[in-house]
PDB file of N, CA and C in Angstrom:
ATOM      1  N   MET A   1      36.177-202.744-162.106  1.00  0.00           N
ATOM      2  CA  MET A   1      37.587-203.085-162.119  1.00  0.00           C
ATOM      3  C   MET A   1      37.887-204.075-161.025  1.00  0.00           C
ATOM      4  N   THR A   2      38.723-205.034-161.306  1.00  0.00           N
ATOM      5  CA  THR A   2      39.081-206.017-160.278  1.00  0.00           C
ATOM      6  C   THR A   2      40.172-205.452-159.380  1.00  0.00           C
ATOM      7  N   LYS A   3      40.331-206.100-158.232  1.00  0.00           N
ATOM      8  CA  LYS A   3      41.364-205.679-157.288  1.00  0.00           C
ATOM      9  C   LYS A   3      42.748-205.736-157.927  1.00  0.00           C
ATOM     10  N   LYS A   4      42.982-206.807-158.750  1.00  0.00           N
ATOM     11  CA  LYS A   4      44.272-206.936-159.384  1.00  0.00           C
ATOM     12  C   LYS A   4      44.534-205.802-160.373  1.00  0.00           C
ATOM     13  N   ALA A   5      43.509-205.420-161.109  1.00  0.00           N
ATOM     14  CA  ALA A   5      43.647-204.296-162.072  1.00  0.00           C
ATOM     15  C   ALA A   5      43.964-203.004-161.339  1.00  0.00           C
ATOM     16  N   ILE A   6      43.267-202.780-160.214  1.00  0.00           N
ATOM     17  CA  ILE A   6      43.535-201.567-159.438  1.00  0.00           C
ATOM     18  C   ILE A   6      44.928-201.573-158.891  1.00  0.00           C
ATOM     19  N   ARG A   7      45.348-202.746-158.377  1.00  0.00           N
ATOM     20  CA  ARG A   7      46.710-202.894-157.837  1.00  0.00           C
ATOM     21  C   ARG A   7      47.753-202.618-158.909  1.00  0.00           C
ATOM     22  N   ASP A   8      47.529-203.185-160.098  1.00  0.00           N
ATOM     23  CA  ASP A   8      48.469-202.981-161.217  1.00  0.00           C
ATOM     24  C   ASP A   8      48.583-201.504-161.604  1.00  0.00           C
ATOM     25  N   ILE A   9      47.439-200.811-161.585  1.00  0.00           N
ATOM     26  CA  ILE A   9      47.473-199.374-161.927  1.00  0.00           C
ATOM     27  C   ILE A   9      48.207-198.590-160.854  1.00  0.00           C
ATOM     28  N   GLU A  10      47.965-198.924-159.585  1.00  0.00           N
ATOM     29  CA  GLU A  10      48.649-198.219-158.502  1.00  0.00           C
ATOM     30  C   GLU A  10      50.149-198.448-158.531  1.00  0.00           C
ATOM     31  N   ILE A  11      50.581-199.691-158.881  1.00  0.00           N
ATOM     32  CA  ILE A  11      52.010-199.971-159.014  1.00  0.00           C
ATOM     33  C   ILE A  11      52.606-199.166-160.150  1.00  0.00           C
ATOM     34  N   GLU A  12      51.901-199.118-161.259  1.00  0.00           N
ATOM     35  CA  GLU A  12      52.435-198.362-162.435  1.00  0.00           C
ATOM     36  C   GLU A  12      52.516-196.867-162.096  1.00  0.00           C
ATOM     37  N   GLN A  13      51.521-196.331-161.379  1.00  0.00           N
ATOM     38  CA  GLN A  13      51.546-194.914-161.003  1.00  0.00           C
ATOM     39  C   GLN A  13      52.730-194.656-160.075  1.00  0.00           C
ATOM     40  N   SER A  14      52.987-195.583-159.147  1.00  0.00           N
ATOM     41  CA  SER A  14      54.120-195.416-158.232  1.00  0.00           C
ATOM     42  C   SER A  14      55.452-195.446-158.949  1.00  0.00           C
ATOM     43  N   LEU A  15      55.571-196.350-159.899  1.00  0.00           N
ATOM     44  CA  LEU A  15      56.827-196.425-160.683  1.00  0.00           C
ATOM     45  C   LEU A  15      57.025-195.175-161.510  1.00  0.00           C
ATOM     46  N   THR A  16      55.957-194.660-162.109  1.00  0.00           N
ATOM     47  CA  THR A  16      56.032-193.424-162.893  1.00  0.00           C
ATOM     48  C   THR A  16      56.459-192.245-161.988  1.00  0.00           C
ATOM     49  N   ALA A  17      55.853-192.166-160.819  1.00  0.00           N
ATOM     50  CA  ALA A  17      56.213-191.107-159.883  1.00  0.00           C
ATOM     51  C   ALA A  17      57.652-191.211-159.467  1.00  0.00           C
ATOM     52  N   GLN A  18      58.120-192.463-159.228  1.00  0.00           N
ATOM     53  CA  GLN A  18      59.507-192.655-158.847  1.00  0.00           C
ATOM     54  C   GLN A  18      60.459-192.210-159.950  1.00  0.00           C
ATOM     55  N   ARG A  19      60.150-192.557-161.190  1.00  0.00           N
ATOM     56  CA  ARG A  19      61.018-192.167-162.326  1.00  0.00           C
ATOM     57  C   ARG A  19      61.033-190.624-162.440  1.00  0.00           C
ATOM     58  N   LEU A  20      59.884-189.996-162.268  1.00  0.00           N
ATOM     59  CA  LEU A  20      59.812-188.524-162.358  1.00  0.00           C
ATOM     60  C   LEU A  20      60.659-187.902-161.245  1.00  0.00           C
ATOM     61  N   LEU A  21      60.503-188.419-160.047  1.00  0.00           N
ATOM     62  CA  LEU A  21      61.273-187.902-158.903  1.00  0.00           C
ATOM     63  C   LEU A  21      62.748-188.032-159.136  1.00  0.00           C
ATOM     64  N   CYS A  22      63.180-189.198-159.626  1.00  0.00           N
ATOM     65  CA  CYS A  22      64.617-189.419-159.882  1.00  0.00           C
ATOM     66  C   CYS A  22      65.166-188.482-160.936  1.00  0.00           C
ATOM     67  N   SER A  23      64.319-188.066-161.869  1.00  0.00           N
ATOM     68  CA  SER A  23      64.789-187.153-162.926  1.00  0.00           C
ATOM     69  C   SER A  23      65.128-185.780-162.401  1.00  0.00           C
ATOM     70  N   TYR A  24      64.702-185.434-161.204  1.00  0.00           N
ATOM     71  CA  TYR A  24      64.983-184.138-160.598  1.00  0.00           C
ATOM     72  C   TYR A  24      66.374-184.116-159.926  1.00  0.00           C
ATOM     73  N   PHE A  25      66.992-185.257-159.738  1.00  0.00           N
ATOM     74  CA  PHE A  25      68.245-185.329-158.977  1.00  0.00           C
ATOM     75  C   PHE A  25      69.425-185.558-159.909  1.00  0.00           C
ATOM     76  N   THR A  26      70.606-185.111-159.453  1.00  0.00           N
ATOM     77  CA  THR A  26      71.842-185.356-160.185  1.00  0.00           C
ATOM     78  C   THR A  26      72.307-186.791-159.877  1.00  0.00           C
ATOM     79  N   GLU A  27      73.205-187.285-160.657  1.00  0.00           N
ATOM     80  CA  GLU A  27      73.762-188.630-160.441  1.00  0.00           C
ATOM     81  C   GLU A  27      74.394-188.743-159.035  1.00  0.00           C
ATOM     82  N   GLU A  28      75.102-187.692-158.653  1.00  0.00           N
ATOM     83  CA  GLU A  28      75.762-187.688-157.316  1.00  0.00           C
ATOM     84  C   GLU A  28      74.720-187.763-156.201  1.00  0.00           C
ATOM     85  N   GLN A  29      73.631-187.046-156.353  1.00  0.00           N
ATOM     86  CA  GLN A  29      72.586-187.083-155.346  1.00  0.00           C
ATOM     87  C   GLN A  29      71.946-188.464-155.283  1.00  0.00           C
ATOM     88  N   LEU A  30      71.753-189.087-156.427  1.00  0.00           N
ATOM     89  CA  LEU A  30      71.133-190.414-156.446  1.00  0.00           C
ATOM     90  C   LEU A  30      72.017-191.471-155.812  1.00  0.00           C
ATOM     91  N   GLU A  31      73.342-191.226-155.788  1.00  0.00           N
ATOM     92  CA  GLU A  31      74.280-192.203-155.235  1.00  0.00           C
ATOM     93  C   GLU A  31      74.450-192.026-153.734  1.00  0.00           C
ATOM     94  N   THR A  32      73.913-190.925-153.167  1.00  0.00           N
ATOM     95  CA  THR A  32      74.034-190.698-151.734  1.00  0.00           C
ATOM     96  C   THR A  32      73.159-191.672-150.974  1.00  0.00           C
ATOM     97  N   PRO A  33      73.700-192.352-149.996  1.00  0.00           N
ATOM     98  CA  PRO A  33      72.883-193.274-149.204  1.00  0.00           C
ATOM     99  C   PRO A  33      71.724-192.504-148.511  1.00  0.00           C
ATOM    100  N   VAL A  34      70.543-193.069-148.593  1.00  0.00           N
ATOM    101  CA  VAL A  34      69.350-192.392-148.101  1.00  0.00           C
ATOM    102  C   VAL A  34      69.443-192.058-146.618  1.00  0.00           C
ATOM    103  N   LEU A  35      69.912-192.972-145.828  1.00  0.00           N
ATOM    104  CA  LEU A  35      69.995-192.723-144.377  1.00  0.00           C
ATOM    105  C   LEU A  35      70.939-191.567-144.077  1.00  0.00           C
ATOM    106  N   ASP A  36      72.062-191.488-144.797  1.00  0.00           N
ATOM    107  CA  ASP A  36      72.988-190.389-144.598  1.00  0.00           C
ATOM    108  C   ASP A  36      72.320-189.053-144.962  1.00  0.00           C
ATOM    109  N   PHE A  37      71.586-189.062-146.058  1.00  0.00           N
ATOM    110  CA  PHE A  37      70.874-187.855-146.510  1.00  0.00           C
ATOM    111  C   PHE A  37      69.909-187.366-145.443  1.00  0.00           C
ATOM    112  N   PHE A  38      69.116-188.290-144.904  1.00  0.00           N
ATOM    113  CA  PHE A  38      68.142-187.901-143.883  1.00  0.00           C
ATOM    114  C   PHE A  38      68.814-187.403-142.637  1.00  0.00           C
ATOM    115  N   LYS A  39      69.922-188.070-142.232  1.00  0.00           N
ATOM    116  CA  LYS A  39      70.623-187.618-141.017  1.00  0.00           C
ATOM    117  C   LYS A  39      71.135-186.203-141.169  1.00  0.00           C
ATOM    118  N   GLU A  40      71.645-185.876-142.370  1.00  0.00           N
ATOM    119  CA  GLU A  40      72.178-184.530-142.608  1.00  0.00           C
ATOM    120  C   GLU A  40      71.101-183.476-142.782  1.00  0.00           C
ATOM    121  N   ASN A  41      70.068-183.805-143.542  1.00  0.00           N
ATOM    122  CA  ASN A  41      69.086-182.809-143.958  1.00  0.00           C
ATOM    123  C   ASN A  41      67.798-182.790-143.128  1.00  0.00           C
ATOM    124  N   LEU A  42      67.462-183.888-142.535  1.00  0.00           N
ATOM    125  CA  LEU A  42      66.264-183.982-141.737  1.00  0.00           C
ATOM    126  C   LEU A  42      66.516-184.695-140.444  1.00  0.00           C
ATOM    127  N   PRO A  43      67.320-184.103-139.583  1.00  0.00           N
ATOM    128  CA  PRO A  43      67.763-184.808-138.388  1.00  0.00           C
ATOM    129  C   PRO A  43      66.635-185.131-137.400  1.00  0.00           C
ATOM    130  N   ASP A  44      65.491-184.472-137.465  1.00  0.00           N
ATOM    131  CA  ASP A  44      64.416-184.698-136.545  1.00  0.00           C
ATOM    132  C   ASP A  44      63.383-185.751-137.053  1.00  0.00           C
ATOM    133  N   VAL A  45      63.611-186.253-138.242  1.00  0.00           N
ATOM    134  CA  VAL A  45      62.652-187.244-138.791  1.00  0.00           C
ATOM    135  C   VAL A  45      62.972-188.604-138.203  1.00  0.00           C
ATOM    136  N   SER A  46      61.898-189.326-137.853  1.00  0.00           N
ATOM    137  CA  SER A  46      62.090-190.682-137.376  1.00  0.00           C
ATOM    138  C   SER A  46      61.147-191.609-138.146  1.00  0.00           C
ATOM    139  N   ILE A  47      61.601-192.845-138.322  1.00  0.00           N
ATOM    140  CA  ILE A  47      60.786-193.833-139.015  1.00  0.00           C
ATOM    141  C   ILE A  47      60.462-194.935-138.035  1.00  0.00           C
ATOM    142  N   GLU A  48      59.179-195.257-137.955  1.00  0.00           N
ATOM    143  CA  GLU A  48      58.716-196.286-137.034  1.00  0.00           C
ATOM    144  C   GLU A  48      58.118-197.411-137.829  1.00  0.00           C
ATOM    145  N   VAL A  49      58.450-198.644-137.440  1.00  0.00           N
ATOM    146  CA  VAL A  49      57.908-199.819-138.107  1.00  0.00           C
ATOM    147  C   VAL A  49      56.857-200.448-137.164  1.00  0.00           C
ATOM    148  N   GLU A  50      55.664-200.660-137.704  1.00  0.00           N
ATOM    149  CA  GLU A  50      54.614-201.252-136.901  1.00  0.00           C
ATOM    150  C   GLU A  50      54.841-202.751-136.779  1.00  0.00           C
ATOM    151  N   ASP A  51      54.072-203.395-135.899  1.00  0.00           N
ATOM    152  CA  ASP A  51      54.224-204.822-135.655  1.00  0.00           C
ATOM    153  C   ASP A  51      54.003-205.635-136.922  1.00  0.00           C
ATOM    154  N   ASN A  52      53.179-205.149-137.843  1.00  0.00           N
ATOM    155  CA  ASN A  52      52.878-205.879-139.065  1.00  0.00           C
ATOM    156  C   ASN A  52      53.908-205.577-140.161  1.00  0.00           C
ATOM    157  N   GLY A  53      54.957-204.778-139.835  1.00  0.00           N
ATOM    158  CA  GLY A  53      56.041-204.517-140.780  1.00  0.00           C
ATOM    159  C   GLY A  53      55.830-203.252-141.620  1.00  0.00           C
ATOM    160  N   GLU A  54      54.674-202.603-141.512  1.00  0.00           N
ATOM    161  CA  GLU A  54      54.444-201.401-142.268  1.00  0.00           C
ATOM    162  C   GLU A  54      55.129-200.214-141.624  1.00  0.00           C
ATOM    163  N   ILE A  55      55.529-199.274-142.469  1.00  0.00           N
ATOM    164  CA  ILE A  55      56.218-198.073-141.977  1.00  0.00           C
ATOM    165  C   ILE A  55      55.203-196.971-141.760  1.00  0.00           C
TER     166      ILE A  55
END
């Protein structure tokens, strides 16, 4: 398999997982801003961005 084929499969798997995850939430939950949700429900979580831009 080529690198492009592997990348395409990984992208498709990620999109499928995202659609599945979204199906577990109500419309109201999906409309909640992510940062607000984390502040309320996971106050001790922090996100760090590396010098190369990766999280």
